[in-house]
Amino acid sequence: MRAVRLGQIGAPLENAEIEVPEIGLSEVLIRVGATGICHSDAHYRAGISKIDNLPVTLGHEVAGRVEKIGSDVTNVAAGDRVCVHYLVHCGSCEFCGRGLEQFCHQGQMIGKHRDGGYAEFIKVPGRNAFALPEEISFEVGAIMMCSSATALHALNKARLKPGESVAIFGFGGLGFSALQLARALDCGGVYVVEINRAKLTSAAKLGAVAIDANAADPVEQIKEATNGKGVDVSLELIGSSKTMRQAVRCLGPLGRAAMIGLTAEPMSIFPYPELINKEVEIIGVSDHLETELPALMEFARDGKLRFPPESLRVVDLDAGRINAVLDALQSSIDHVRTVIIPQP
């Protein structure tokens, strides 16, 4: 089968011909219908997020149709439309028992620790395959499995309540979903902080107050827009010490800052005026949970989470085209989600 693989850190992905994977008793083989190209894939290629097992097929945002199932699989059948939960877990350790599979002692991430969806077929444990409603396309189902699911997890971790205000730092794939999901959860005002004008325009069309970080200090802009109070919840989706600090500073009393963006940079905080005196919280957010996926599907079915045609771009399973998309993501210039649809 055709696949696009990472063979060397810092080098472009390469086209490859590899065997269709053989499945075990508890696994399923999926014919890939669509695979999202995620900013994390650019991090893997660049070595920002370490990968030891090379070569590997990237791609953790996957949807498709079940081709074959192992004899122990009961939750899906051949021919079913499915999307893939990318965290492979043991199901029996202390964290799995608490429904926190992102901390599984034996956990693996599809498209990083094991071969992912930049291919014509992928094998995954049966429990990682979730039914994809007919109303949701493979393209949308794929990208929902990372950016949308993680955005929902972040809002859940931040304990967003109806009527509370939200500041979103960064309006890429995560931000696009986070804005819609915050509104689906009946939030109050939403403020999107960006430097990219096209992204700011998109955010405004979805009902947010666009905060141009190039124009002035975004924290001061948010405080002015909220009559000095600040926001109840902030989401940092960029992975920059500067914006992480801004995500804390823009909070009002009892506010919660959820940190999702990846960075190795340290963040400085003045504990008394910025944290203690306002009793604000800084919350780390890692991946998402399979228990959150049913609610996510319902938001999409109800039209509360939408990906209109102009928000998506399709490319073939081709290393050259995929590398070009990763280049744009690495430079943070892209504001359209790209999905791979393998052509026959």
C-alpha atoms as a PDB file:
ATOM      1  CA  MET A   1       0.000   0.000   0.000  1.00  0.00           C
ATOM      2  CA  ARG A   2       1.023   3.635  -0.383  1.00  0.00           C
ATOM      3  CA  ALA A   3       2.173   5.551   2.682  1.00  0.00           C
ATOM      4  CA  VAL A   4       3.956   8.799   3.492  1.00  0.00           C
ATOM      5  CA  ARG A   5       6.576   8.326   6.219  1.00  0.00           C
ATOM      6  CA  LEU A   6       8.991  10.198   8.417  1.00  0.00           C
ATOM      7  CA  GLY A   7      12.395   8.546   8.069  1.00  0.00           C
ATOM      8  CA  GLN A   8      14.696  11.160   9.566  1.00  0.00           C
ATOM      9  CA  ILE A   9      14.116  14.023  11.993  1.00  0.00           C
ATOM     10  CA  GLY A  10      14.454  17.381  10.271  1.00  0.00           C
ATOM     11  CA  ALA A  11      14.059  15.868   6.823  1.00  0.00           C
ATOM     12  CA  PRO A  12      11.020  15.936   4.499  1.00  0.00           C
ATOM     13  CA  LEU A  13       8.515  13.097   4.630  1.00  0.00           C
ATOM     14  CA  GLU A  14       8.913  10.489   1.895  1.00  0.00           C
ATOM     15  CA  ASN A  15       6.583   8.391  -0.247  1.00  0.00           C
ATOM     16  CA  ALA A  16       6.834   4.662   0.509  1.00  0.00           C
ATOM     17  CA  GLU A  17       5.333   1.325  -0.451  1.00  0.00           C
ATOM     18  CA  ILE A  18       4.730  -0.875   2.592  1.00  0.00           C
ATOM     19  CA  GLU A  19       2.689  -3.980   3.378  1.00  0.00           C
ATOM     20  CA  VAL A  20      -0.953  -3.714   4.391  1.00  0.00           C
ATOM     21  CA  PRO A  21      -0.796  -4.364   8.161  1.00  0.00           C
ATOM     22  CA  GLU A  22      -1.944  -7.703   9.545  1.00  0.00           C
ATOM     23  CA  ILE A  23      -4.435  -7.392  12.382  1.00  0.00           C
ATOM     24  CA  GLY A  24      -4.626  -9.291  15.648  1.00  0.00           C
ATOM     25  CA  LEU A  25      -7.680 -10.730  17.396  1.00  0.00           C
ATOM     26  CA  SER A  26      -8.623  -7.444  19.059  1.00  0.00           C
ATOM     27  CA  GLU A  27      -7.710  -5.126  16.175  1.00  0.00           C
ATOM     28  CA  VAL A  28      -9.431  -3.654  13.136  1.00  0.00           C
ATOM     29  CA  LEU A  29      -8.111  -2.745   9.703  1.00  0.00           C
ATOM     30  CA  ILE A  30      -9.467   0.552   8.398  1.00  0.00           C
ATOM     31  CA  ARG A  31      -9.390   1.789   4.820  1.00  0.00           C
ATOM     32  CA  VAL A  32      -8.481   5.433   5.342  1.00  0.00           C
ATOM     33  CA  GLY A  33     -11.133   7.846   4.119  1.00  0.00           C
ATOM     34  CA  ALA A  34      -9.406  11.000   5.373  1.00  0.00           C
ATOM     35  CA  THR A  35      -6.484  11.966   7.585  1.00  0.00           C
ATOM     36  CA  GLY A  36      -5.961  15.441   8.999  1.00  0.00           C
ATOM     37  CA  ILE A  37      -2.595  17.177   8.823  1.00  0.00           C
ATOM     38  CA  CYS A  38      -1.988  18.511  12.333  1.00  0.00           C
ATOM     39  CA  HIS A  39       0.453  21.104  13.653  1.00  0.00           C
ATOM     40  CA  SER A  40       1.813  18.331  15.883  1.00  0.00           C
ATOM     41  CA  ASP A  41       2.958  16.509  12.737  1.00  0.00           C
ATOM     42  CA  ALA A  42       5.127  19.522  11.897  1.00  0.00           C
ATOM     43  CA  HIS A  43       6.559  19.276  15.436  1.00  0.00           C
ATOM     44  CA  TYR A  44       7.351  15.580  14.918  1.00  0.00           C
ATOM     45  CA  ARG A  45       9.075  16.246  11.604  1.00  0.00           C
ATOM     46  CA  ALA A  46      11.143  19.061  13.141  1.00  0.00           C
ATOM     47  CA  GLY A  47      12.058  17.092  16.268  1.00  0.00           C
ATOM     48  CA  ILE A  48      10.285  19.489  18.649  1.00  0.00           C
ATOM     49  CA  SER A  49       8.315  16.504  19.925  1.00  0.00           C
ATOM     50  CA  LYS A  50      10.655  13.521  20.116  1.00  0.00           C
ATOM     51  CA  ILE A  51      10.130  10.334  18.097  1.00  0.00           C
ATOM     52  CA  ASP A  52      12.460   7.353  18.626  1.00  0.00           C
ATOM     53  CA  ASN A  53      10.938   4.668  16.393  1.00  0.00           C
ATOM     54  CA  LEU A  54      11.795   5.702  12.837  1.00  0.00           C
ATOM     55  CA  PRO A  55      10.661   5.273  10.176  1.00  0.00           C
ATOM     56  CA  VAL A  56       7.040   5.879  11.127  1.00  0.00           C
ATOM     57  CA  THR A  57       3.859   6.770   9.260  1.00  0.00           C
ATOM     58  CA  LEU A  58       2.506  10.019  10.700  1.00  0.00           C
ATOM     59  CA  GLY A  59      -1.177  10.950  10.991  1.00  0.00           C
ATOM     60  CA  HIS A  60      -3.288  10.769  14.155  1.00  0.00           C
ATOM     61  CA  GLU A  61      -6.507  12.391  12.862  1.00  0.00           C
ATOM     62  CA  VAL A  62      -8.108   9.478  11.036  1.00  0.00           C
ATOM     63  CA  ALA A  63     -11.523   8.437   9.737  1.00  0.00           C
ATOM     64  CA  GLY A  64     -12.484   5.739   7.283  1.00  0.00           C
ATOM     65  CA  ARG A  65     -14.353   2.497   6.725  1.00  0.00           C
ATOM     66  CA  VAL A  66     -13.682  -0.773   8.533  1.00  0.00           C
ATOM     67  CA  GLU A  67     -12.175  -3.281   6.116  1.00  0.00           C
ATOM     68  CA  LYS A  68     -11.641  -6.220   8.459  1.00  0.00           C
ATOM     69  CA  ILE A  69     -12.068  -7.020  12.168  1.00  0.00           C
ATOM     70  CA  GLY A  70     -10.381  -9.446  14.553  1.00  0.00           C
ATOM     71  CA  SER A  71     -12.488 -12.216  16.061  1.00  0.00           C
ATOM     72  CA  ASP A  72     -12.577 -10.530  19.494  1.00  0.00           C
ATOM     73  CA  VAL A  73     -13.921  -7.198  18.200  1.00  0.00           C
ATOM     74  CA  THR A  74     -17.615  -6.585  18.926  1.00  0.00           C
ATOM     75  CA  ASN A  75     -18.102  -2.800  18.868  1.00  0.00           C
ATOM     76  CA  VAL A  76     -17.737  -2.341  15.070  1.00  0.00           C
ATOM     77  CA  ALA A  77     -18.191  -4.487  11.961  1.00  0.00           C
ATOM     78  CA  ALA A  78     -16.722  -4.619   8.500  1.00  0.00           C
ATOM     79  CA  GLY A  79     -18.178  -1.810   6.395  1.00  0.00           C
ATOM     80  CA  ASP A  80     -18.811   0.547   9.319  1.00  0.00           C
ATOM     81  CA  ARG A  81     -17.853   4.211   9.028  1.00  0.00           C
ATOM     82  CA  VAL A  82     -15.533   5.041  11.930  1.00  0.00           C
ATOM     83  CA  CYS A  83     -13.189   7.646  13.344  1.00  0.00           C
ATOM     84  CA  VAL A  84     -10.143   6.817  15.437  1.00  0.00           C
ATOM     85  CA  HIS A  85      -9.319   7.785  19.020  1.00  0.00           C
ATOM     86  CA  TYR A  86      -5.569   8.252  18.716  1.00  0.00           C
ATOM     87  CA  LEU A  87      -4.573   7.200  22.260  1.00  0.00           C
ATOM     88  CA  VAL A  88      -3.903   3.460  22.351  1.00  0.00           C
ATOM     89  CA  HIS A  89      -4.105   2.329  25.974  1.00  0.00           C
ATOM     90  CA  CYS A  90      -3.999  -0.868  28.019  1.00  0.00           C
ATOM     91  CA  GLY A  91      -7.419  -0.482  29.632  1.00  0.00           C
ATOM     92  CA  SER A  92      -6.292  -1.971  32.947  1.00  0.00           C
ATOM     93  CA  CYS A  93      -3.764   0.318  34.660  1.00  0.00           C
ATOM     94  CA  GLU A  94      -4.714   2.782  37.400  1.00  0.00           C
ATOM     95  CA  PHE A  95      -5.153   5.678  34.972  1.00  0.00           C
ATOM     96  CA  CYS A  96      -7.184   3.689  32.437  1.00  0.00           C
ATOM     97  CA  GLY A  97      -9.384   2.536  35.310  1.00  0.00           C
ATOM     98  CA  ARG A  98     -10.090   6.190  36.110  1.00  0.00           C
ATOM     99  CA  GLY A  99     -10.846   7.045  32.467  1.00  0.00           C
ATOM    100  CA  LEU A 100      -7.587   8.986  32.077  1.00  0.00           C
ATOM    101  CA  GLU A 101      -6.057   7.061  29.199  1.00  0.00           C
ATOM    102  CA  GLN A 102      -3.682   9.879  28.229  1.00  0.00           C
ATOM    103  CA  PHE A 103      -1.562   8.816  31.246  1.00  0.00           C
ATOM    104  CA  CYS A 104      -1.675   5.059  30.562  1.00  0.00           C
ATOM    105  CA  HIS A 105       1.602   3.414  31.599  1.00  0.00           C
ATOM    106  CA  GLN A 106       1.728   1.546  28.275  1.00  0.00           C
ATOM    107  CA  GLY A 107       0.089   4.242  26.179  1.00  0.00           C
ATOM    108  CA  GLN A 108       0.990   4.882  22.567  1.00  0.00           C
ATOM    109  CA  MET A 109      -0.071   7.669  20.245  1.00  0.00           C
ATOM    110  CA  ILE A 110      -1.150   6.688  16.757  1.00  0.00           C
ATOM    111  CA  GLY A 111       0.992   8.462  14.181  1.00  0.00           C
ATOM    112  CA  LYS A 112       3.889   8.879  16.618  1.00  0.00           C
ATOM    113  CA  HIS A 113       4.651   5.705  18.545  1.00  0.00           C
ATOM    114  CA  ARG A 114       2.977   3.475  15.945  1.00  0.00           C
ATOM    115  CA  ASP A 115       2.008   3.882  12.308  1.00  0.00           C
ATOM    116  CA  GLY A 116      -0.741   6.377  11.613  1.00  0.00           C
ATOM    117  CA  GLY A 117      -3.092   7.480   8.873  1.00  0.00           C
ATOM    118  CA  TYR A 118      -0.808   8.934   6.180  1.00  0.00           C
ATOM    119  CA  ALA A 119      -1.501   5.686   4.331  1.00  0.00           C
ATOM    120  CA  GLU A 120      -4.195   3.773   2.491  1.00  0.00           C
ATOM    121  CA  PHE A 121      -4.849   1.473   5.475  1.00  0.00           C
ATOM    122  CA  ILE A 122      -4.306   1.635   9.223  1.00  0.00           C
ATOM    123  CA  LYS A 123      -4.708  -0.955  11.970  1.00  0.00           C
ATOM    124  CA  VAL A 124      -5.864   0.051  15.447  1.00  0.00           C
ATOM    125  CA  PRO A 125      -7.279  -1.710  18.508  1.00  0.00           C
ATOM    126  CA  GLY A 126     -11.008  -2.245  18.097  1.00  0.00           C
ATOM    127  CA  ARG A 127     -11.746  -0.111  21.139  1.00  0.00           C
ATOM    128  CA  ASN A 128     -10.126   2.874  19.384  1.00  0.00           C
ATOM    129  CA  ALA A 129     -12.645   2.778  16.517  1.00  0.00           C
ATOM    130  CA  PHE A 130     -15.782   4.871  17.109  1.00  0.00           C
ATOM    131  CA  ALA A 131     -18.879   4.914  14.924  1.00  0.00           C
ATOM    132  CA  LEU A 132     -18.996   7.982  12.682  1.00  0.00           C
ATOM    133  CA  PRO A 133     -22.554   9.174  11.960  1.00  0.00           C
ATOM    134  CA  GLU A 134     -23.557   9.377   8.291  1.00  0.00           C
ATOM    135  CA  GLU A 135     -24.159  13.111   8.688  1.00  0.00           C
ATOM    136  CA  ILE A 136     -20.444  13.704   9.348  1.00  0.00           C
ATOM    137  CA  SER A 137     -18.015  13.407   6.439  1.00  0.00           C
ATOM    138  CA  PHE A 138     -14.745  11.502   6.707  1.00  0.00           C
ATOM    139  CA  GLU A 139     -12.878  14.815   6.368  1.00  0.00           C
ATOM    140  CA  VAL A 140     -14.699  16.404   9.313  1.00  0.00           C
ATOM    141  CA  GLY A 141     -14.638  13.182  11.346  1.00  0.00           C
ATOM    142  CA  ALA A 142     -10.868  12.989  10.983  1.00  0.00           C
ATOM    143  CA  ILE A 143     -10.007  16.490  12.152  1.00  0.00           C
ATOM    144  CA  MET A 144     -12.538  16.318  14.972  1.00  0.00           C
ATOM    145  CA  MET A 145     -10.453  13.521  16.494  1.00  0.00           C
ATOM    146  CA  CYS A 146      -7.660  15.894  17.488  1.00  0.00           C
ATOM    147  CA  SER A 147      -8.254  19.637  17.326  1.00  0.00           C
ATOM    148  CA  SER A 148     -11.961  19.514  18.162  1.00  0.00           C
ATOM    149  CA  ALA A 149     -11.644  16.800  20.811  1.00  0.00           C
ATOM    150  CA  THR A 150      -8.719  18.554  22.499  1.00  0.00           C
ATOM    151  CA  ALA A 151     -10.542  21.899  22.407  1.00  0.00           C
ATOM    152  CA  LEU A 152     -13.549  20.321  24.136  1.00  0.00           C
ATOM    153  CA  HIS A 153     -11.275  18.691  26.724  1.00  0.00           C
ATOM    154  CA  ALA A 154      -9.658  22.073  27.398  1.00  0.00           C
ATOM    155  CA  LEU A 155     -13.035  23.720  27.967  1.00  0.00           C
ATOM    156  CA  ASN A 156     -14.044  20.861  30.250  1.00  0.00           C
ATOM    157  CA  LYS A 157     -10.792  21.119  32.214  1.00  0.00           C
ATOM    158  CA  ALA A 158     -11.323  24.884  32.540  1.00  0.00           C
ATOM    159  CA  ARG A 159     -14.838  24.178  33.883  1.00  0.00           C
ATOM    160  CA  LEU A 160     -16.485  26.691  31.567  1.00  0.00           C
ATOM    161  CA  LYS A 161     -19.947  27.609  32.826  1.00  0.00           C
ATOM    162  CA  PRO A 162     -22.831  29.136  30.845  1.00  0.00           C
ATOM    163  CA  GLY A 163     -22.461  32.880  30.558  1.00  0.00           C
ATOM    164  CA  GLU A 164     -18.731  32.966  31.314  1.00  0.00           C
ATOM    165  CA  SER A 165     -16.396  34.891  29.025  1.00  0.00           C
ATOM    166  CA  VAL A 166     -13.544  33.235  27.125  1.00  0.00           C
ATOM    167  CA  ALA A 167     -10.284  34.470  25.598  1.00  0.00           C
ATOM    168  CA  ILE A 168      -8.727  32.253  22.910  1.00  0.00           C
ATOM    169  CA  PHE A 169      -5.068  32.823  22.104  1.00  0.00           C
ATOM    170  CA  GLY A 170      -4.408  31.479  18.608  1.00  0.00           C
ATOM    171  CA  PHE A 171      -6.949  30.722  15.905  1.00  0.00           C
ATOM    172  CA  GLY A 172      -5.612  27.698  14.066  1.00  0.00           C
ATOM    173  CA  GLY A 173      -7.321  24.313  14.028  1.00  0.00           C
ATOM    174  CA  LEU A 174      -7.780  24.211  17.798  1.00  0.00           C
ATOM    175  CA  GLY A 175      -9.055  27.770  17.999  1.00  0.00           C
ATOM    176  CA  PHE A 176     -11.566  27.266  15.198  1.00  0.00           C
ATOM    177  CA  SER A 177     -13.163  24.407  17.153  1.00  0.00           C
ATOM    178  CA  ALA A 178     -12.716  26.015  20.575  1.00  0.00           C
ATOM    179  CA  LEU A 179     -14.698  29.090  19.547  1.00  0.00           C
ATOM    180  CA  GLN A 180     -17.620  27.054  18.232  1.00  0.00           C
ATOM    181  CA  LEU A 181     -17.601  24.661  21.196  1.00  0.00           C
ATOM    182  CA  ALA A 182     -17.474  27.508  23.723  1.00  0.00           C
ATOM    183  CA  ARG A 183     -20.574  28.967  22.080  1.00  0.00           C
ATOM    184  CA  ALA A 184     -22.206  25.511  22.042  1.00  0.00           C
ATOM    185  CA  LEU A 185     -21.632  25.425  25.812  1.00  0.00           C
ATOM    186  CA  ASP A 186     -23.494  28.757  26.133  1.00  0.00           C
ATOM    187  CA  CYS A 187     -20.517  30.915  27.013  1.00  0.00           C
ATOM    188  CA  GLY A 188     -20.695  34.696  27.219  1.00  0.00           C
ATOM    189  CA  GLY A 189     -18.352  36.911  25.193  1.00  0.00           C
ATOM    190  CA  VAL A 190     -15.506  35.306  23.238  1.00  0.00           C
ATOM    191  CA  TYR A 191     -12.282  37.182  22.459  1.00  0.00           C
ATOM    192  CA  VAL A 192      -9.857  35.743  19.900  1.00  0.00           C
ATOM    193  CA  VAL A 193      -6.257  36.972  20.034  1.00  0.00           C
ATOM    194  CA  GLU A 194      -4.288  36.693  16.785  1.00  0.00           C
ATOM    195  CA  ILE A 195      -1.760  38.490  14.583  1.00  0.00           C
ATOM    196  CA  ASN A 196      -2.977  36.925  11.318  1.00  0.00           C
ATOM    197  CA  ARG A 197      -5.604  39.157   9.696  1.00  0.00           C
ATOM    198  CA  ALA A 198      -7.257  36.329   7.773  1.00  0.00           C
ATOM    199  CA  LYS A 199      -7.680  34.369  11.004  1.00  0.00           C
ATOM    200  CA  LEU A 200      -9.075  37.435  12.789  1.00  0.00           C
ATOM    201  CA  THR A 201     -11.624  37.885  10.008  1.00  0.00           C
ATOM    202  CA  SER A 202     -12.666  34.226  10.314  1.00  0.00           C
ATOM    203  CA  ALA A 203     -13.044  34.549  14.082  1.00  0.00           C
ATOM    204  CA  ALA A 204     -15.213  37.665  13.732  1.00  0.00           C
ATOM    205  CA  LYS A 205     -17.476  35.869  11.235  1.00  0.00           C
ATOM    206  CA  LEU A 206     -18.043  33.191  13.884  1.00  0.00           C
ATOM    207  CA  GLY A 207     -19.152  35.806  16.419  1.00  0.00           C
ATOM    208  CA  ALA A 208     -15.969  36.496  18.358  1.00  0.00           C
ATOM    209  CA  VAL A 209     -14.447  39.847  19.233  1.00  0.00           C
ATOM    210  CA  ALA A 210     -11.237  39.940  17.200  1.00  0.00           C
ATOM    211  CA  ILE A 211      -8.215  41.114  19.199  1.00  0.00           C
ATOM    212  CA  ASP A 212      -5.317  42.126  16.954  1.00  0.00           C
ATOM    213  CA  ALA A 213      -2.174  41.528  19.008  1.00  0.00           C
ATOM    214  CA  ASN A 214      -0.197  43.644  16.542  1.00  0.00           C
ATOM    215  CA  ALA A 215      -2.298  46.722  17.298  1.00  0.00           C
ATOM    216  CA  ALA A 216      -1.772  46.910  21.075  1.00  0.00           C
ATOM    217  CA  ASP A 217      -1.269  44.773  24.164  1.00  0.00           C
ATOM    218  CA  PRO A 218      -4.014  42.109  23.871  1.00  0.00           C
ATOM    219  CA  VAL A 219      -4.423  41.978  27.645  1.00  0.00           C
ATOM    220  CA  GLU A 220      -5.242  45.682  27.754  1.00  0.00           C
ATOM    221  CA  GLN A 221      -7.612  45.272  24.808  1.00  0.00           C
ATOM    222  CA  ILE A 222      -9.453  42.439  26.561  1.00  0.00           C
ATOM    223  CA  LYS A 223      -9.692  44.364  29.838  1.00  0.00           C
ATOM    224  CA  GLU A 224     -11.009  47.404  28.016  1.00  0.00           C
ATOM    225  CA  ALA A 225     -13.624  45.269  26.230  1.00  0.00           C
ATOM    226  CA  THR A 226     -14.699  43.728  29.551  1.00  0.00           C
ATOM    227  CA  ASN A 227     -14.837  47.023  31.483  1.00  0.00           C
ATOM    228  CA  GLY A 228     -11.661  46.207  33.351  1.00  0.00           C
ATOM    229  CA  LYS A 229     -12.828  42.856  34.706  1.00  0.00           C
ATOM    230  CA  GLY A 230     -10.963  40.431  32.462  1.00  0.00           C
ATOM    231  CA  VAL A 231     -12.283  37.059  31.318  1.00  0.00           C
ATOM    232  CA  ASP A 232     -13.366  33.988  33.238  1.00  0.00           C
ATOM    233  CA  VAL A 233     -11.528  31.439  31.082  1.00  0.00           C
ATOM    234  CA  SER A 234      -8.564  31.678  28.742  1.00  0.00           C
ATOM    235  CA  LEU A 235      -7.206  29.052  26.335  1.00  0.00           C
ATOM    236  CA  GLU A 236      -3.568  29.296  25.213  1.00  0.00           C
ATOM    237  CA  LEU A 237      -3.261  27.382  21.939  1.00  0.00           C
ATOM    238  CA  ILE A 238      -0.030  28.804  20.502  1.00  0.00           C
ATOM    239  CA  GLY A 239       2.748  27.466  22.711  1.00  0.00           C
ATOM    240  CA  SER A 240       4.638  30.665  23.489  1.00  0.00           C
ATOM    241  CA  SER A 241       5.783  31.919  26.876  1.00  0.00           C
ATOM    242  CA  LYS A 242       4.612  35.399  25.884  1.00  0.00           C
ATOM    243  CA  THR A 243       1.044  34.356  25.081  1.00  0.00           C
ATOM    244  CA  MET A 244       0.925  31.991  28.059  1.00  0.00           C
ATOM    245  CA  ARG A 245       1.678  34.901  30.323  1.00  0.00           C
ATOM    246  CA  GLN A 246      -0.941  37.001  28.540  1.00  0.00           C
ATOM    247  CA  ALA A 247      -3.483  34.193  29.014  1.00  0.00           C
ATOM    248  CA  VAL A 248      -2.950  34.467  32.779  1.00  0.00           C
ATOM    249  CA  ARG A 249      -2.835  38.266  32.917  1.00  0.00           C
ATOM    250  CA  CYS A 250      -6.158  38.669  31.066  1.00  0.00           C
ATOM    251  CA  LEU A 251      -8.065  36.711  33.725  1.00  0.00           C
ATOM    252  CA  GLY A 252     -10.463  38.272  36.186  1.00  0.00           C
ATOM    253  CA  PRO A 253     -10.948  37.063  39.774  1.00  0.00           C
ATOM    254  CA  LEU A 254     -11.333  33.254  40.017  1.00  0.00           C
ATOM    255  CA  GLY A 255     -10.375  32.903  36.354  1.00  0.00           C
ATOM    256  CA  ARG A 256      -8.905  29.726  34.856  1.00  0.00           C
ATOM    257  CA  ALA A 257      -6.146  29.636  32.217  1.00  0.00           C
ATOM    258  CA  ALA A 258      -5.945  26.370  30.265  1.00  0.00           C
ATOM    259  CA  MET A 259      -2.550  25.749  28.646  1.00  0.00           C
ATOM    260  CA  ILE A 260      -2.691  23.585  25.521  1.00  0.00           C
ATOM    261  CA  GLY A 261       0.038  24.915  23.207  1.00  0.00           C
ATOM    262  CA  LEU A 262       3.357  23.028  23.218  1.00  0.00           C
ATOM    263  CA  THR A 263       6.579  24.811  24.102  1.00  0.00           C
ATOM    264  CA  ALA A 264       9.866  24.224  25.904  1.00  0.00           C
ATOM    265  CA  GLU A 265      10.044  27.890  26.959  1.00  0.00           C
ATOM    266  CA  PRO A 266       9.685  28.863  30.654  1.00  0.00           C
ATOM    267  CA  MET A 267       6.830  31.105  31.693  1.00  0.00           C
ATOM    268  CA  SER A 268       7.216  33.869  34.296  1.00  0.00           C
ATOM    269  CA  ILE A 269       4.449  34.854  36.710  1.00  0.00           C
ATOM    270  CA  PHE A 270       4.272  37.447  39.486  1.00  0.00           C
ATOM    271  CA  PRO A 271       2.623  35.210  42.078  1.00  0.00           C
ATOM    272  CA  TYR A 272       0.842  37.749  44.278  1.00  0.00           C
ATOM    273  CA  PRO A 273      -0.733  40.247  41.833  1.00  0.00           C
ATOM    274  CA  GLU A 274      -1.313  37.822  38.959  1.00  0.00           C
ATOM    275  CA  LEU A 275      -2.177  34.568  40.724  1.00  0.00           C
ATOM    276  CA  ILE A 276      -2.727  34.623  44.473  1.00  0.00           C
ATOM    277  CA  ASN A 277      -4.588  37.902  44.853  1.00  0.00           C
ATOM    278  CA  LYS A 278      -7.151  36.922  42.218  1.00  0.00           C
ATOM    279  CA  GLU A 279      -7.240  33.190  43.101  1.00  0.00           C
ATOM    280  CA  VAL A 280      -6.790  32.302  39.454  1.00  0.00           C
ATOM    281  CA  GLU A 281      -5.782  28.837  38.248  1.00  0.00           C
ATOM    282  CA  ILE A 282      -3.307  27.656  35.622  1.00  0.00           C
ATOM    283  CA  ILE A 283      -4.402  24.304  34.200  1.00  0.00           C
ATOM    284  CA  GLY A 284      -2.396  21.953  32.005  1.00  0.00           C
ATOM    285  CA  VAL A 285      -4.327  20.209  29.209  1.00  0.00           C
ATOM    286  CA  SER A 286      -3.072  16.995  27.621  1.00  0.00           C
ATOM    287  CA  ASP A 287      -4.912  15.410  24.677  1.00  0.00           C
ATOM    288  CA  HIS A 288      -8.516  14.378  25.379  1.00  0.00           C
ATOM    289  CA  LEU A 289     -10.620  11.426  26.567  1.00  0.00           C
ATOM    290  CA  GLU A 290     -12.685   8.845  24.724  1.00  0.00           C
ATOM    291  CA  THR A 291     -15.600   9.586  27.066  1.00  0.00           C
ATOM    292  CA  GLU A 292     -15.779  13.092  25.566  1.00  0.00           C
ATOM    293  CA  LEU A 293     -16.195  11.870  21.977  1.00  0.00           C
ATOM    294  CA  PRO A 294     -19.974  11.136  22.072  1.00  0.00           C
ATOM    295  CA  ALA A 295     -20.748  14.743  23.096  1.00  0.00           C
ATOM    296  CA  LEU A 296     -18.419  15.993  20.368  1.00  0.00           C
ATOM    297  CA  MET A 297     -20.290  13.928  17.776  1.00  0.00           C
ATOM    298  CA  GLU A 298     -23.588  15.382  18.928  1.00  0.00           C
ATOM    299  CA  PHE A 299     -22.313  18.951  18.618  1.00  0.00           C
ATOM    300  CA  ALA A 300     -21.332  18.155  15.017  1.00  0.00           C
ATOM    301  CA  ARG A 301     -24.650  16.436  14.235  1.00  0.00           C
ATOM    302  CA  ASP A 302     -26.575  19.384  15.672  1.00  0.00           C
ATOM    303  CA  GLY A 303     -24.609  21.862  13.545  1.00  0.00           C
ATOM    304  CA  LYS A 304     -23.023  23.540  16.561  1.00  0.00           C
ATOM    305  CA  LEU A 305     -19.583  22.444  15.322  1.00  0.00           C
ATOM    306  CA  ARG A 306     -19.207  23.061  11.605  1.00  0.00           C
ATOM    307  CA  PHE A 307     -16.427  22.990   9.049  1.00  0.00           C
ATOM    308  CA  PRO A 308     -17.730  24.787   5.937  1.00  0.00           C
ATOM    309  CA  PRO A 309     -16.050  24.028   2.594  1.00  0.00           C
ATOM    310  CA  GLU A 310     -13.921  27.173   2.716  1.00  0.00           C
ATOM    311  CA  SER A 311     -12.373  26.026   6.005  1.00  0.00           C
ATOM    312  CA  LEU A 312     -11.038  22.770   4.544  1.00  0.00           C
ATOM    313  CA  ARG A 313      -8.480  21.900   1.901  1.00  0.00           C
ATOM    314  CA  VAL A 314      -7.916  18.426   0.409  1.00  0.00           C
ATOM    315  CA  VAL A 315      -4.632  16.952  -0.816  1.00  0.00           C
ATOM    316  CA  ASP A 316      -3.696  13.523  -2.152  1.00  0.00           C
ATOM    317  CA  LEU A 317      -1.500  11.046  -0.303  1.00  0.00           C
ATOM    318  CA  ASP A 318       1.693  12.564  -1.676  1.00  0.00           C
ATOM    319  CA  ALA A 319       4.849  13.485   0.262  1.00  0.00           C
ATOM    320  CA  GLY A 320       5.520  16.672  -1.699  1.00  0.00           C
ATOM    321  CA  ARG A 321       2.074  18.125  -1.098  1.00  0.00           C
ATOM    322  CA  ILE A 322       2.024  17.049   2.550  1.00  0.00           C
ATOM    323  CA  ASN A 323       5.457  18.554   3.212  1.00  0.00           C
ATOM    324  CA  ALA A 324       4.246  21.860   1.755  1.00  0.00           C
ATOM    325  CA  VAL A 325       1.314  21.876   4.195  1.00  0.00           C
ATOM    326  CA  LEU A 326       3.627  21.089   7.120  1.00  0.00           C
ATOM    327  CA  ASP A 327       5.903  23.955   6.046  1.00  0.00           C
ATOM    328  CA  ALA A 328       2.962  26.360   6.175  1.00  0.00           C
ATOM    329  CA  LEU A 329       1.896  25.067   9.594  1.00  0.00           C
ATOM    330  CA  GLN A 330       5.420  25.385  10.942  1.00  0.00           C
ATOM    331  CA  SER A 331       5.460  29.017   9.798  1.00  0.00           C
ATOM    332  CA  SER A 332       1.987  29.591  11.317  1.00  0.00           C
ATOM    333  CA  ILE A 333       0.749  31.149   8.078  1.00  0.00           C
ATOM    334  CA  ASP A 334      -2.014  28.662   7.307  1.00  0.00           C
ATOM    335  CA  HIS A 335      -5.558  29.217   8.550  1.00  0.00           C
ATOM    336  CA  VAL A 336      -7.307  26.424   6.633  1.00  0.00           C
ATOM    337  CA  ARG A 337      -7.389  22.812   7.843  1.00  0.00           C
ATOM    338  CA  THR A 338      -5.921  20.330   5.365  1.00  0.00           C
ATOM    339  CA  VAL A 339      -6.956  16.689   5.070  1.00  0.00           C
ATOM    340  CA  ILE A 340      -5.436  13.884   3.040  1.00  0.00           C
ATOM    341  CA  ILE A 341      -7.825  11.813   0.944  1.00  0.00           C
ATOM    342  CA  PRO A 342      -5.994   8.919  -0.729  1.00  0.00           C
ATOM    343  CA  GLN A 343      -6.857   8.839  -4.422  1.00  0.00           C
ATOM    344  CA  PRO A 344      -7.356   5.393  -6.036  1.00  0.00           C
END
